[in-house]
Amino acid sequence: MAEDGPRRQPTLDEVAGLAGVSRSVASRALNNAPHVSRAKREAVERAVRQLGYVPNPTARALATRQTGAAALVVSGEDPSIFADPFFAQVIVGASAALEEADLHLMLCLAASDRGRKRVEELFRSKGADGVMLMALREGDPLTRTAEEAAMPVVFGGRPVGPAPRWYVDVDNAGGAREAVEYLVSLGRTRVAALCGRLDTEAGRARYRGYRDAVLAAGLDPFPPQEGDFTESSGAAAMAALLAEHPDVDGVFAANDNMGVGALRTLGGAGRRVPDDVAVVGFDDLALARTSDPPLTTVHQPIQALGREMARMVAALVNGQDRTPLILPTRLVVRASA
């Protein structure tokens, strides 16, 4: 009678499936890594006994270096940046997706030399399983640090320069183009742009979209009035624009904060919105709905940006490759235009 062939060894995926957890959680539980609940650890142990699973020594050695966390790193100068409505929504989206992947979220701000050194050490020491990196400016040293990191790094928004291997972004140029095309369709012929920082790819792409739409309509583009994506900078840029070009009749603001600042300046100057000057923003934050008048704007899926960044990081941590992702935008018409 012929003997049975060698019995196939169960896999870690089968252990995870039987235990009702993700593969990364099963791996961390087997290696006594942190951030695994007692219930999940016990479920994995039962599955191991039931299946007769024996960990691969090489895989086990690699898995012990997992931290069970992904970091969201923001390169900025203001420690209150995480309270900004934009970044708050990014965090909501990222946190929900990481929870599904059984990864904890770490928040890191590179707002000072000390903060940057801590982030650089995070990259070097593999203090997280993966990193989401946002708000980079041209020449930011964190870009090179990320390229040399020992863990996967997903960029939230393309940095200036060559495209990284992994990033999630929105259609900045396309959204800006749609906003300006809408202003032109209203009969506006003196359409200007209040730009965000032009040392960021988002700032540059939105100005490119503005310029493309103005030129396509046979109009003359205005030079960029640069701000830094804050309400105060939008108010200041609008004041400078009125001083130089008092006949302006349409404004595209690079984000809602700047758009609301522009509304404030226009109101103070006695300009009626939208009768004298129509204004369109970008983001579709809550303040766009409550401004006076409510701001017509380009909606970008901010929570989805955070969610897709986190999903990409989780997939890379689990050994799956991903390609860059561009999320669509859409125009939301309100009373300002």
C-alpha atoms as a PDB file:
ATOM      1  CA  MET A   1       0.000   0.000   0.000  1.00  0.00           C
ATOM      2  CA  ALA A   2       1.464   3.355  -1.022  1.00  0.00           C
ATOM      3  CA  GLU A   3       2.310   5.827   1.735  1.00  0.00           C
ATOM      4  CA  ASP A   4       0.654   9.204   1.795  1.00  0.00           C
ATOM      5  CA  GLY A   5       2.788  12.114   0.493  1.00  0.00           C
ATOM      6  CA  PRO A   6       4.194  14.735   2.849  1.00  0.00           C
ATOM      7  CA  ARG A   7       1.513  16.773   4.579  1.00  0.00           C
ATOM      8  CA  ARG A   8       1.256  20.390   3.370  1.00  0.00           C
ATOM      9  CA  GLN A   9       2.164  22.891   6.045  1.00  0.00           C
ATOM     10  CA  PRO A  10      -0.547  25.416   6.930  1.00  0.00           C
ATOM     11  CA  THR A  11       0.217  29.047   6.114  1.00  0.00           C
ATOM     12  CA  LEU A  12       0.082  32.214   8.149  1.00  0.00           C
ATOM     13  CA  ASP A  13      -2.806  33.391   5.961  1.00  0.00           C
ATOM     14  CA  GLU A  14      -4.787  30.298   6.990  1.00  0.00           C
ATOM     15  CA  VAL A  15      -4.026  30.970  10.656  1.00  0.00           C
ATOM     16  CA  ALA A  16      -5.225  34.561  10.252  1.00  0.00           C
ATOM     17  CA  GLY A  17      -8.370  33.437   8.444  1.00  0.00           C
ATOM     18  CA  LEU A  18      -9.293  30.912  11.085  1.00  0.00           C
ATOM     19  CA  ALA A  19      -8.585  33.392  13.882  1.00  0.00           C
ATOM     20  CA  GLY A  20     -10.608  36.112  12.165  1.00  0.00           C
ATOM     21  CA  VAL A  21      -7.757  38.639  12.140  1.00  0.00           C
ATOM     22  CA  SER A  22      -5.513  40.224   9.518  1.00  0.00           C
ATOM     23  CA  ARG A  23      -2.241  38.618   8.482  1.00  0.00           C
ATOM     24  CA  SER A  24      -0.235  41.390  10.153  1.00  0.00           C
ATOM     25  CA  VAL A  25      -2.051  40.899  13.476  1.00  0.00           C
ATOM     26  CA  ALA A  26      -1.500  37.138  13.321  1.00  0.00           C
ATOM     27  CA  SER A  27       2.198  37.743  12.695  1.00  0.00           C
ATOM     28  CA  ARG A  28       2.506  40.187  15.594  1.00  0.00           C
ATOM     29  CA  ALA A  29       0.608  37.875  17.935  1.00  0.00           C
ATOM     30  CA  LEU A  30       2.942  34.959  17.128  1.00  0.00           C
ATOM     31  CA  ASN A  31       5.957  37.127  17.841  1.00  0.00           C
ATOM     32  CA  ASN A  32       4.673  38.748  21.036  1.00  0.00           C
ATOM     33  CA  ALA A  33       4.764  42.168  19.390  1.00  0.00           C
ATOM     34  CA  PRO A  34       2.908  45.107  21.005  1.00  0.00           C
ATOM     35  CA  HIS A  35      -0.531  46.484  20.115  1.00  0.00           C
ATOM     36  CA  VAL A  36      -2.353  43.129  19.916  1.00  0.00           C
ATOM     37  CA  SER A  37      -5.394  42.660  22.152  1.00  0.00           C
ATOM     38  CA  ARG A  38      -5.625  39.663  24.458  1.00  0.00           C
ATOM     39  CA  ALA A  39      -8.698  38.359  22.615  1.00  0.00           C
ATOM     40  CA  LYS A  40      -6.973  38.446  19.224  1.00  0.00           C
ATOM     41  CA  ARG A  41      -3.794  36.904  20.618  1.00  0.00           C
ATOM     42  CA  GLU A  42      -5.781  34.018  22.108  1.00  0.00           C
ATOM     43  CA  ALA A  43      -7.705  33.542  18.841  1.00  0.00           C
ATOM     44  CA  VAL A  44      -4.422  33.248  16.945  1.00  0.00           C
ATOM     45  CA  GLU A  45      -3.034  30.759  19.477  1.00  0.00           C
ATOM     46  CA  ARG A  46      -6.152  28.576  19.110  1.00  0.00           C
ATOM     47  CA  ALA A  47      -5.836  28.664  15.321  1.00  0.00           C
ATOM     48  CA  VAL A  48      -2.163  27.692  15.529  1.00  0.00           C
ATOM     49  CA  ARG A  49      -2.983  24.660  17.702  1.00  0.00           C
ATOM     50  CA  GLN A  50      -5.925  23.628  15.530  1.00  0.00           C
ATOM     51  CA  LEU A  51      -3.954  23.839  12.273  1.00  0.00           C
ATOM     52  CA  GLY A  52      -0.632  22.631  13.602  1.00  0.00           C
ATOM     53  CA  TYR A  53       1.090  25.744  12.251  1.00  0.00           C
ATOM     54  CA  VAL A  54       4.882  26.005  12.633  1.00  0.00           C
ATOM     55  CA  PRO A  55       6.336  29.509  11.966  1.00  0.00           C
ATOM     56  CA  ASN A  56       9.022  29.843   9.328  1.00  0.00           C
ATOM     57  CA  PRO A  57      12.222  30.906  11.154  1.00  0.00           C
ATOM     58  CA  THR A  58      13.237  33.459   8.520  1.00  0.00           C
ATOM     59  CA  ALA A  59       9.790  35.002   8.330  1.00  0.00           C
ATOM     60  CA  ARG A  60       9.640  35.054  12.107  1.00  0.00           C
ATOM     61  CA  ALA A  61      12.901  36.969  12.313  1.00  0.00           C
ATOM     62  CA  LEU A  62      11.539  39.575   9.906  1.00  0.00           C
ATOM     63  CA  ALA A  63       8.198  39.804  11.632  1.00  0.00           C
ATOM     64  CA  THR A  64       9.719  40.545  15.025  1.00  0.00           C
ATOM     65  CA  ARG A  65      10.810  43.892  13.641  1.00  0.00           C
ATOM     66  CA  GLN A  66       7.200  44.976  13.069  1.00  0.00           C
ATOM     67  CA  THR A  67       5.871  47.725  15.315  1.00  0.00           C
ATOM     68  CA  GLY A  68       2.160  47.475  14.566  1.00  0.00           C
ATOM     69  CA  ALA A  69       1.988  51.198  13.782  1.00  0.00           C
ATOM     70  CA  ALA A  70       2.050  53.564  10.802  1.00  0.00           C
ATOM     71  CA  ALA A  71       3.143  57.187  11.111  1.00  0.00           C
ATOM     72  CA  LEU A  72       1.540  60.262   9.567  1.00  0.00           C
ATOM     73  CA  VAL A  73       4.352  62.796   9.243  1.00  0.00           C
ATOM     74  CA  VAL A  74       3.553  66.421   8.394  1.00  0.00           C
ATOM     75  CA  SER A  75       6.386  68.719   7.419  1.00  0.00           C
ATOM     76  CA  GLY A  76       5.356  72.166   8.614  1.00  0.00           C
ATOM     77  CA  GLU A  77       6.251  75.111  10.804  1.00  0.00           C
ATOM     78  CA  ASP A  78       3.084  75.461  12.881  1.00  0.00           C
ATOM     79  CA  PRO A  79       2.484  72.956  15.744  1.00  0.00           C
ATOM     80  CA  SER A  80      -1.281  73.634  15.488  1.00  0.00           C
ATOM     81  CA  ILE A  81      -1.383  72.260  11.932  1.00  0.00           C
ATOM     82  CA  PHE A  82      -3.132  69.056  13.018  1.00  0.00           C
ATOM     83  CA  ALA A  83      -6.059  71.232  14.159  1.00  0.00           C
ATOM     84  CA  ASP A  84      -6.464  72.639  10.642  1.00  0.00           C
ATOM     85  CA  PRO A  85      -9.776  71.341   9.201  1.00  0.00           C
ATOM     86  CA  PHE A  86      -7.956  69.874   6.184  1.00  0.00           C
ATOM     87  CA  PHE A  87      -5.492  67.799   8.197  1.00  0.00           C
ATOM     88  CA  ALA A  88      -8.176  66.882  10.723  1.00  0.00           C
ATOM     89  CA  GLN A  89     -10.148  65.202   7.933  1.00  0.00           C
ATOM     90  CA  VAL A  90      -7.026  63.477   6.620  1.00  0.00           C
ATOM     91  CA  ILE A  91      -6.467  62.040  10.103  1.00  0.00           C
ATOM     92  CA  VAL A  92     -10.069  60.802  10.317  1.00  0.00           C
ATOM     93  CA  GLY A  93      -9.732  58.952   7.007  1.00  0.00           C
ATOM     94  CA  ALA A  94      -6.308  57.509   7.765  1.00  0.00           C
ATOM     95  CA  SER A  95      -7.257  56.402  11.270  1.00  0.00           C
ATOM     96  CA  ALA A  96     -10.328  54.502  10.058  1.00  0.00           C
ATOM     97  CA  ALA A  97      -8.379  52.645   7.365  1.00  0.00           C
ATOM     98  CA  LEU A  98      -5.520  51.750   9.706  1.00  0.00           C
ATOM     99  CA  GLU A  99      -7.981  50.426  12.266  1.00  0.00           C
ATOM    100  CA  GLU A 100      -9.309  48.057   9.602  1.00  0.00           C
ATOM    101  CA  ALA A 101      -5.730  46.901   9.010  1.00  0.00           C
ATOM    102  CA  ASP A 102      -5.045  46.552  12.756  1.00  0.00           C
ATOM    103  CA  LEU A 103      -2.345  49.222  12.628  1.00  0.00           C
ATOM    104  CA  HIS A 104      -2.052  52.077  15.107  1.00  0.00           C
ATOM    105  CA  LEU A 105      -1.665  55.673  13.938  1.00  0.00           C
ATOM    106  CA  MET A 106       1.299  57.771  15.065  1.00  0.00           C
ATOM    107  CA  LEU A 107       1.267  61.546  14.437  1.00  0.00           C
ATOM    108  CA  CYS A 108       4.602  63.279  13.892  1.00  0.00           C
ATOM    109  CA  LEU A 109       5.229  66.960  13.131  1.00  0.00           C
ATOM    110  CA  ALA A 110       8.553  68.104  11.705  1.00  0.00           C
ATOM    111  CA  ALA A 111       8.073  71.705  12.823  1.00  0.00           C
ATOM    112  CA  SER A 112      11.534  72.368  14.249  1.00  0.00           C
ATOM    113  CA  ASP A 113      15.088  71.088  13.971  1.00  0.00           C
ATOM    114  CA  ARG A 114      14.401  68.785  16.917  1.00  0.00           C
ATOM    115  CA  GLY A 115      11.192  67.548  15.322  1.00  0.00           C
ATOM    116  CA  ARG A 116      12.955  66.863  12.029  1.00  0.00           C
ATOM    117  CA  LYS A 117      15.683  64.912  13.806  1.00  0.00           C
ATOM    118  CA  ARG A 118      13.065  62.787  15.545  1.00  0.00           C
ATOM    119  CA  VAL A 119      11.384  62.067  12.199  1.00  0.00           C
ATOM    120  CA  GLU A 120      14.725  61.230  10.576  1.00  0.00           C
ATOM    121  CA  GLU A 121      15.441  58.840  13.438  1.00  0.00           C
ATOM    122  CA  LEU A 122      12.007  57.263  12.912  1.00  0.00           C
ATOM    123  CA  PHE A 123      12.996  56.547   9.305  1.00  0.00           C
ATOM    124  CA  ARG A 124      16.439  55.210  10.199  1.00  0.00           C
ATOM    125  CA  SER A 125      15.391  53.037  13.127  1.00  0.00           C
ATOM    126  CA  LYS A 126      12.248  51.692  11.431  1.00  0.00           C
ATOM    127  CA  GLY A 127      10.210  53.029  14.337  1.00  0.00           C
ATOM    128  CA  ALA A 128       7.032  52.391  12.317  1.00  0.00           C
ATOM    129  CA  ASP A 129       6.026  49.759   9.782  1.00  0.00           C
ATOM    130  CA  GLY A 130       5.188  52.444   7.223  1.00  0.00           C
ATOM    131  CA  VAL A 131       4.974  56.214   6.865  1.00  0.00           C
ATOM    132  CA  MET A 132       2.543  58.673   5.244  1.00  0.00           C
ATOM    133  CA  LEU A 133       4.355  61.923   4.468  1.00  0.00           C
ATOM    134  CA  MET A 134       2.558  65.215   3.781  1.00  0.00           C
ATOM    135  CA  ALA A 135       3.025  68.969   3.232  1.00  0.00           C
ATOM    136  CA  LEU A 136       6.491  68.808   1.711  1.00  0.00           C
ATOM    137  CA  ARG A 137       7.954  71.922   0.130  1.00  0.00           C
ATOM    138  CA  GLU A 138      10.517  72.149  -2.618  1.00  0.00           C
ATOM    139  CA  GLY A 139      13.941  71.115  -1.351  1.00  0.00           C
ATOM    140  CA  ASP A 140      12.616  69.593   1.889  1.00  0.00           C
ATOM    141  CA  PRO A 141      15.340  67.247   3.216  1.00  0.00           C
ATOM    142  CA  LEU A 142      12.664  64.771   4.317  1.00  0.00           C
ATOM    143  CA  THR A 143      12.147  63.890   0.661  1.00  0.00           C
ATOM    144  CA  ARG A 144      15.639  62.379   0.432  1.00  0.00           C
ATOM    145  CA  THR A 145      15.287  60.808   3.872  1.00  0.00           C
ATOM    146  CA  ALA A 146      12.094  59.118   2.697  1.00  0.00           C
ATOM    147  CA  GLU A 147      13.828  57.798  -0.428  1.00  0.00           C
ATOM    148  CA  GLU A 148      16.426  56.095   1.774  1.00  0.00           C
ATOM    149  CA  ALA A 149      13.971  54.782   4.390  1.00  0.00           C
ATOM    150  CA  ALA A 150      13.905  51.138   5.400  1.00  0.00           C
ATOM    151  CA  MET A 151      10.108  51.043   5.403  1.00  0.00           C
ATOM    152  CA  PRO A 152       7.494  51.940   2.760  1.00  0.00           C
ATOM    153  CA  VAL A 153       6.704  55.658   2.494  1.00  0.00           C
ATOM    154  CA  VAL A 154       3.518  56.935   0.845  1.00  0.00           C
ATOM    155  CA  PHE A 155       3.378  60.609  -0.055  1.00  0.00           C
ATOM    156  CA  GLY A 156       0.146  62.489   0.546  1.00  0.00           C
ATOM    157  CA  GLY A 157       0.274  64.797  -2.442  1.00  0.00           C
ATOM    158  CA  ARG A 158       3.098  64.666  -4.951  1.00  0.00           C
ATOM    159  CA  PRO A 159       6.199  66.570  -3.882  1.00  0.00           C
ATOM    160  CA  VAL A 160       7.850  69.057  -6.229  1.00  0.00           C
ATOM    161  CA  GLY A 161      10.216  67.269  -8.602  1.00  0.00           C
ATOM    162  CA  PRO A 162      10.330  63.646  -9.771  1.00  0.00           C
ATOM    163  CA  ALA A 163       7.294  61.589  -8.779  1.00  0.00           C
ATOM    164  CA  PRO A 164       7.937  59.141  -5.928  1.00  0.00           C
ATOM    165  CA  ARG A 165       7.097  55.478  -6.250  1.00  0.00           C
ATOM    166  CA  TRP A 166       4.023  55.646  -4.028  1.00  0.00           C
ATOM    167  CA  TYR A 167       1.692  58.598  -3.567  1.00  0.00           C
ATOM    168  CA  VAL A 168      -1.967  59.565  -3.325  1.00  0.00           C
ATOM    169  CA  ASP A 169      -3.051  62.953  -4.650  1.00  0.00           C
ATOM    170  CA  VAL A 170      -6.078  64.794  -6.011  1.00  0.00           C
ATOM    171  CA  ASP A 171      -6.508  66.265  -9.474  1.00  0.00           C
ATOM    172  CA  ASN A 172      -5.294  69.724  -8.461  1.00  0.00           C
ATOM    173  CA  ALA A 173      -4.829  71.101 -11.970  1.00  0.00           C
ATOM    174  CA  GLY A 174      -8.112  69.639 -13.244  1.00  0.00           C
ATOM    175  CA  GLY A 175     -10.078  71.010 -10.302  1.00  0.00           C
ATOM    176  CA  ALA A 176      -8.605  74.491 -10.731  1.00  0.00           C
ATOM    177  CA  ARG A 177      -9.304  74.373 -14.448  1.00  0.00           C
ATOM    178  CA  GLU A 178     -12.969  73.507 -13.834  1.00  0.00           C
ATOM    179  CA  ALA A 179     -13.294  76.367 -11.330  1.00  0.00           C
ATOM    180  CA  VAL A 180     -11.943  78.932 -13.784  1.00  0.00           C
ATOM    181  CA  GLU A 181     -13.985  77.548 -16.678  1.00  0.00           C
ATOM    182  CA  TYR A 182     -17.057  78.072 -14.518  1.00  0.00           C
ATOM    183  CA  LEU A 183     -16.089  81.696 -13.798  1.00  0.00           C
ATOM    184  CA  VAL A 184     -15.579  82.293 -17.523  1.00  0.00           C
ATOM    185  CA  SER A 185     -18.985  80.731 -18.265  1.00  0.00           C
ATOM    186  CA  LEU A 186     -20.520  83.392 -16.012  1.00  0.00           C
ATOM    187  CA  GLY A 187     -19.106  86.068 -18.309  1.00  0.00           C
ATOM    188  CA  ARG A 188     -16.133  87.007 -16.134  1.00  0.00           C
ATOM    189  CA  THR A 189     -13.241  88.330 -18.227  1.00  0.00           C
ATOM    190  CA  ARG A 190     -10.796  89.618 -15.573  1.00  0.00           C
ATOM    191  CA  VAL A 191     -10.168  86.435 -13.628  1.00  0.00           C
ATOM    192  CA  ALA A 192      -7.250  86.340 -11.157  1.00  0.00           C
ATOM    193  CA  ALA A 193      -5.714  83.629  -8.972  1.00  0.00           C
ATOM    194  CA  LEU A 194      -4.868  83.768  -5.275  1.00  0.00           C
ATOM    195  CA  CYS A 195      -2.218  81.057  -5.127  1.00  0.00           C
ATOM    196  CA  GLY A 196      -1.072  78.842  -2.328  1.00  0.00           C
ATOM    197  CA  ARG A 197       2.626  78.354  -1.721  1.00  0.00           C
ATOM    198  CA  LEU A 198       4.377  77.963  -5.054  1.00  0.00           C
ATOM    199  CA  ASP A 199       7.107  75.842  -3.475  1.00  0.00           C
ATOM    200  CA  THR A 200       4.484  73.074  -3.144  1.00  0.00           C
ATOM    201  CA  GLU A 201       3.205  70.906  -5.985  1.00  0.00           C
ATOM    202  CA  ALA A 202      -0.413  71.614  -5.000  1.00  0.00           C
ATOM    203  CA  GLY A 203       0.176  75.356  -5.241  1.00  0.00           C
ATOM    204  CA  ARG A 204       1.891  75.046  -8.609  1.00  0.00           C
ATOM    205  CA  ALA A 205      -0.626  72.591 -10.076  1.00  0.00           C
ATOM    206  CA  ARG A 206      -3.615  74.732  -9.126  1.00  0.00           C
ATOM    207  CA  TYR A 207      -2.022  77.807 -10.699  1.00  0.00           C
ATOM    208  CA  ARG A 208      -1.275  75.757 -13.848  1.00  0.00           C
ATOM    209  CA  GLY A 209      -4.928  74.736 -14.016  1.00  0.00           C
ATOM    210  CA  TYR A 210      -5.981  78.386 -13.627  1.00  0.00           C
ATOM    211  CA  ARG A 211      -3.573  79.556 -16.330  1.00  0.00           C
ATOM    212  CA  ASP A 212      -4.567  76.795 -18.764  1.00  0.00           C
ATOM    213  CA  ALA A 213      -8.269  77.655 -18.433  1.00  0.00           C
ATOM    214  CA  VAL A 214      -7.723  81.410 -18.826  1.00  0.00           C
ATOM    215  CA  LEU A 215      -5.563  80.962 -21.917  1.00  0.00           C
ATOM    216  CA  ALA A 216      -8.034  78.476 -23.417  1.00  0.00           C
ATOM    217  CA  ALA A 217     -10.746  81.129 -23.057  1.00  0.00           C
ATOM    218  CA  GLY A 218      -8.621  83.666 -24.932  1.00  0.00           C
ATOM    219  CA  LEU A 219      -8.083  85.803 -21.812  1.00  0.00           C
ATOM    220  CA  ASP A 220      -4.917  87.145 -20.208  1.00  0.00           C
ATOM    221  CA  PRO A 221      -3.768  85.353 -17.036  1.00  0.00           C
ATOM    222  CA  PHE A 222      -2.873  87.468 -14.020  1.00  0.00           C
ATOM    223  CA  PRO A 223       0.484  86.992 -12.281  1.00  0.00           C
ATOM    224  CA  PRO A 224       0.075  84.816  -9.176  1.00  0.00           C
ATOM    225  CA  GLN A 225      -0.849  86.544  -5.921  1.00  0.00           C
ATOM    226  CA  GLU A 226       0.874  84.134  -3.556  1.00  0.00           C
ATOM    227  CA  GLY A 227      -0.313  83.216  -0.070  1.00  0.00           C
ATOM    228  CA  ASP A 228       0.311  80.292   2.255  1.00  0.00           C
ATOM    229  CA  PHE A 229      -3.125  78.622   2.266  1.00  0.00           C
ATOM    230  CA  THR A 230      -4.247  80.562   5.388  1.00  0.00           C
ATOM    231  CA  GLU A 231      -7.253  82.889   5.675  1.00  0.00           C
ATOM    232  CA  SER A 232      -5.084  85.865   6.596  1.00  0.00           C
ATOM    233  CA  SER A 233      -2.870  85.339   3.542  1.00  0.00           C
ATOM    234  CA  GLY A 234      -5.962  85.179   1.338  1.00  0.00           C
ATOM    235  CA  ALA A 235      -7.189  88.485   2.754  1.00  0.00           C
ATOM    236  CA  ALA A 236      -3.794  90.095   2.173  1.00  0.00           C
ATOM    237  CA  ALA A 237      -3.462  88.696  -1.359  1.00  0.00           C
ATOM    238  CA  MET A 238      -6.950  89.963  -2.221  1.00  0.00           C
ATOM    239  CA  ALA A 239      -6.082  93.445  -0.930  1.00  0.00           C
ATOM    240  CA  ALA A 240      -2.918  93.503  -3.040  1.00  0.00           C
ATOM    241  CA  LEU A 241      -4.898  92.311  -6.070  1.00  0.00           C
ATOM    242  CA  LEU A 242      -7.501  95.066  -5.690  1.00  0.00           C
ATOM    243  CA  ALA A 243      -4.771  97.677  -5.372  1.00  0.00           C
ATOM    244  CA  GLU A 244      -3.057  96.521  -8.577  1.00  0.00           C
ATOM    245  CA  HIS A 245      -6.114  95.448 -10.589  1.00  0.00           C
ATOM    246  CA  PRO A 246      -9.262  97.181  -9.323  1.00  0.00           C
ATOM    247  CA  ASP A 247     -11.211  95.960 -12.369  1.00  0.00           C
ATOM    248  CA  VAL A 248     -10.916  92.261 -11.409  1.00  0.00           C
ATOM    249  CA  ASP A 249     -14.304  90.519 -11.676  1.00  0.00           C
ATOM    250  CA  GLY A 250     -13.469  86.888 -10.885  1.00  0.00           C
ATOM    251  CA  VAL A 251     -11.148  85.213  -8.370  1.00  0.00           C
ATOM    252  CA  PHE A 252      -9.982  81.628  -8.028  1.00  0.00           C
ATOM    253  CA  ALA A 253      -8.541  81.011  -4.548  1.00  0.00           C
ATOM    254  CA  ALA A 254      -6.171  78.077  -4.067  1.00  0.00           C
ATOM    255  CA  ASN A 255      -8.100  76.830  -1.035  1.00  0.00           C
ATOM    256  CA  ASP A 256     -11.165  77.672   1.027  1.00  0.00           C
ATOM    257  CA  ASN A 257      -9.188  79.398   3.784  1.00  0.00           C
ATOM    258  CA  MET A 258      -7.804  81.878   1.253  1.00  0.00           C
ATOM    259  CA  GLY A 259     -11.197  82.181  -0.412  1.00  0.00           C
ATOM    260  CA  VAL A 260     -12.874  83.161   2.863  1.00  0.00           C
ATOM    261  CA  GLY A 261     -10.087  85.674   3.481  1.00  0.00           C
ATOM    262  CA  ALA A 262     -10.768  87.117   0.026  1.00  0.00           C
ATOM    263  CA  LEU A 263     -14.491  87.456   0.837  1.00  0.00           C
ATOM    264  CA  ARG A 264     -13.616  89.402   3.967  1.00  0.00           C
ATOM    265  CA  THR A 265     -11.392  91.825   2.062  1.00  0.00           C
ATOM    266  CA  LEU A 266     -13.938  92.298  -0.721  1.00  0.00           C
ATOM    267  CA  GLY A 267     -16.672  93.048   1.794  1.00  0.00           C
ATOM    268  CA  GLY A 268     -14.463  95.584   3.556  1.00  0.00           C
ATOM    269  CA  ALA A 269     -13.718  97.253   0.209  1.00  0.00           C
ATOM    270  CA  GLY A 270     -17.405  97.606  -0.608  1.00  0.00           C
ATOM    271  CA  ARG A 271     -17.307  95.027  -3.414  1.00  0.00           C
ATOM    272  CA  ARG A 272     -20.431  92.906  -3.775  1.00  0.00           C
ATOM    273  CA  VAL A 273     -19.992  89.147  -4.127  1.00  0.00           C
ATOM    274  CA  PRO A 274     -20.843  87.791  -6.643  1.00  0.00           C
ATOM    275  CA  ASP A 275     -22.258  90.864  -8.423  1.00  0.00           C
ATOM    276  CA  ASP A 276     -18.953  92.766  -8.641  1.00  0.00           C
ATOM    277  CA  VAL A 277     -16.490  89.920  -8.035  1.00  0.00           C
ATOM    278  CA  ALA A 278     -17.254  86.191  -8.171  1.00  0.00           C
ATOM    279  CA  VAL A 279     -15.096  83.960  -5.959  1.00  0.00           C
ATOM    280  CA  VAL A 280     -14.383  80.217  -6.131  1.00  0.00           C
ATOM    281  CA  GLY A 281     -12.291  78.272  -3.599  1.00  0.00           C
ATOM    282  CA  PHE A 282     -10.826  74.767  -3.385  1.00  0.00           C
ATOM    283  CA  ASP A 283     -11.304  72.010  -0.740  1.00  0.00           C
ATOM    284  CA  ASP A 284     -15.008  72.193   0.265  1.00  0.00           C
ATOM    285  CA  LEU A 285     -14.349  72.561   3.976  1.00  0.00           C
ATOM    286  CA  ALA A 286     -17.159  73.278   6.441  1.00  0.00           C
ATOM    287  CA  LEU A 287     -16.243  76.987   6.480  1.00  0.00           C
ATOM    288  CA  ALA A 288     -17.173  77.191   2.774  1.00  0.00           C
ATOM    289  CA  ARG A 289     -20.768  76.423   3.731  1.00  0.00           C
ATOM    290  CA  THR A 290     -20.905  78.981   6.565  1.00  0.00           C
ATOM    291  CA  SER A 291     -19.027  81.906   4.984  1.00  0.00           C
ATOM    292  CA  ASP A 292     -20.885  85.062   3.939  1.00  0.00           C
ATOM    293  CA  PRO A 293     -21.832  84.449   1.203  1.00  0.00           C
ATOM    294  CA  PRO A 294     -21.402  80.644   1.103  1.00  0.00           C
ATOM    295  CA  LEU A 295     -18.374  79.841  -1.021  1.00  0.00           C
ATOM    296  CA  THR A 296     -18.546  78.122  -4.387  1.00  0.00           C
ATOM    297  CA  THR A 297     -15.639  75.707  -4.323  1.00  0.00           C
ATOM    298  CA  VAL A 298     -13.920  72.662  -5.751  1.00  0.00           C
ATOM    299  CA  HIS A 299     -14.626  69.603  -3.626  1.00  0.00           C
ATOM    300  CA  GLN A 300     -11.689  67.317  -3.006  1.00  0.00           C
ATOM    301  CA  PRO A 301     -12.274  64.052  -1.098  1.00  0.00           C
ATOM    302  CA  ILE A 302     -10.052  64.852   1.896  1.00  0.00           C
ATOM    303  CA  GLN A 303     -11.071  61.921   4.104  1.00  0.00           C
ATOM    304  CA  ALA A 304     -10.621  59.627   1.100  1.00  0.00           C
ATOM    305  CA  LEU A 305      -7.108  61.038   0.656  1.00  0.00           C
ATOM    306  CA  GLY A 306      -6.218  59.968   4.187  1.00  0.00           C
ATOM    307  CA  ARG A 307      -8.022  56.652   3.808  1.00  0.00           C
ATOM    308  CA  GLU A 308      -6.295  55.726   0.537  1.00  0.00           C
ATOM    309  CA  MET A 309      -2.876  56.725   1.871  1.00  0.00           C
ATOM    310  CA  ALA A 310      -3.409  54.442   4.853  1.00  0.00           C
ATOM    311  CA  ARG A 311      -4.693  51.577   2.703  1.00  0.00           C
ATOM    312  CA  MET A 312      -1.657  51.898   0.467  1.00  0.00           C
ATOM    313  CA  VAL A 313       0.704  51.834   3.446  1.00  0.00           C
ATOM    314  CA  ALA A 314      -1.068  48.806   4.956  1.00  0.00           C
ATOM    315  CA  ALA A 315      -0.845  46.924   1.660  1.00  0.00           C
ATOM    316  CA  LEU A 316       2.863  47.698   1.307  1.00  0.00           C
ATOM    317  CA  VAL A 317       3.528  46.602   4.886  1.00  0.00           C
ATOM    318  CA  ASN A 318       1.916  43.274   4.019  1.00  0.00           C
ATOM    319  CA  GLY A 319       4.144  42.811   0.985  1.00  0.00           C
ATOM    320  CA  GLN A 320       1.670  43.915  -1.704  1.00  0.00           C
ATOM    321  CA  ASP A 321       2.789  46.467  -4.281  1.00  0.00           C
ATOM    322  CA  ARG A 322       0.670  49.485  -5.203  1.00  0.00           C
ATOM    323  CA  THR A 323       0.660  52.183  -7.898  1.00  0.00           C
ATOM    324  CA  PRO A 324       0.075  55.947  -7.445  1.00  0.00           C
ATOM    325  CA  LEU A 325      -3.535  57.069  -7.114  1.00  0.00           C
ATOM    326  CA  ILE A 326      -5.143  60.349  -8.250  1.00  0.00           C
ATOM    327  CA  LEU A 327      -8.537  61.161  -6.731  1.00  0.00           C
ATOM    328  CA  PRO A 328     -11.149  63.173  -8.694  1.00  0.00           C
ATOM    329  CA  THR A 329     -12.535  66.607  -7.794  1.00  0.00           C
ATOM    330  CA  ARG A 330     -15.885  68.255  -8.553  1.00  0.00           C
ATOM    331  CA  LEU A 331     -17.319  71.763  -8.505  1.00  0.00           C
ATOM    332  CA  VAL A 332     -19.821  72.695  -5.771  1.00  0.00           C
ATOM    333  CA  VAL A 333     -21.823  75.821  -6.683  1.00  0.00           C
ATOM    334  CA  ARG A 334     -22.960  78.133  -3.883  1.00  0.00           C
ATOM    335  CA  ALA A 335     -23.717  81.849  -3.633  1.00  0.00           C
ATOM    336  CA  SER A 336     -20.242  83.386  -4.128  1.00  0.00           C
ATOM    337  CA  ALA A 337     -20.195  82.609  -7.869  1.00  0.00           C
END
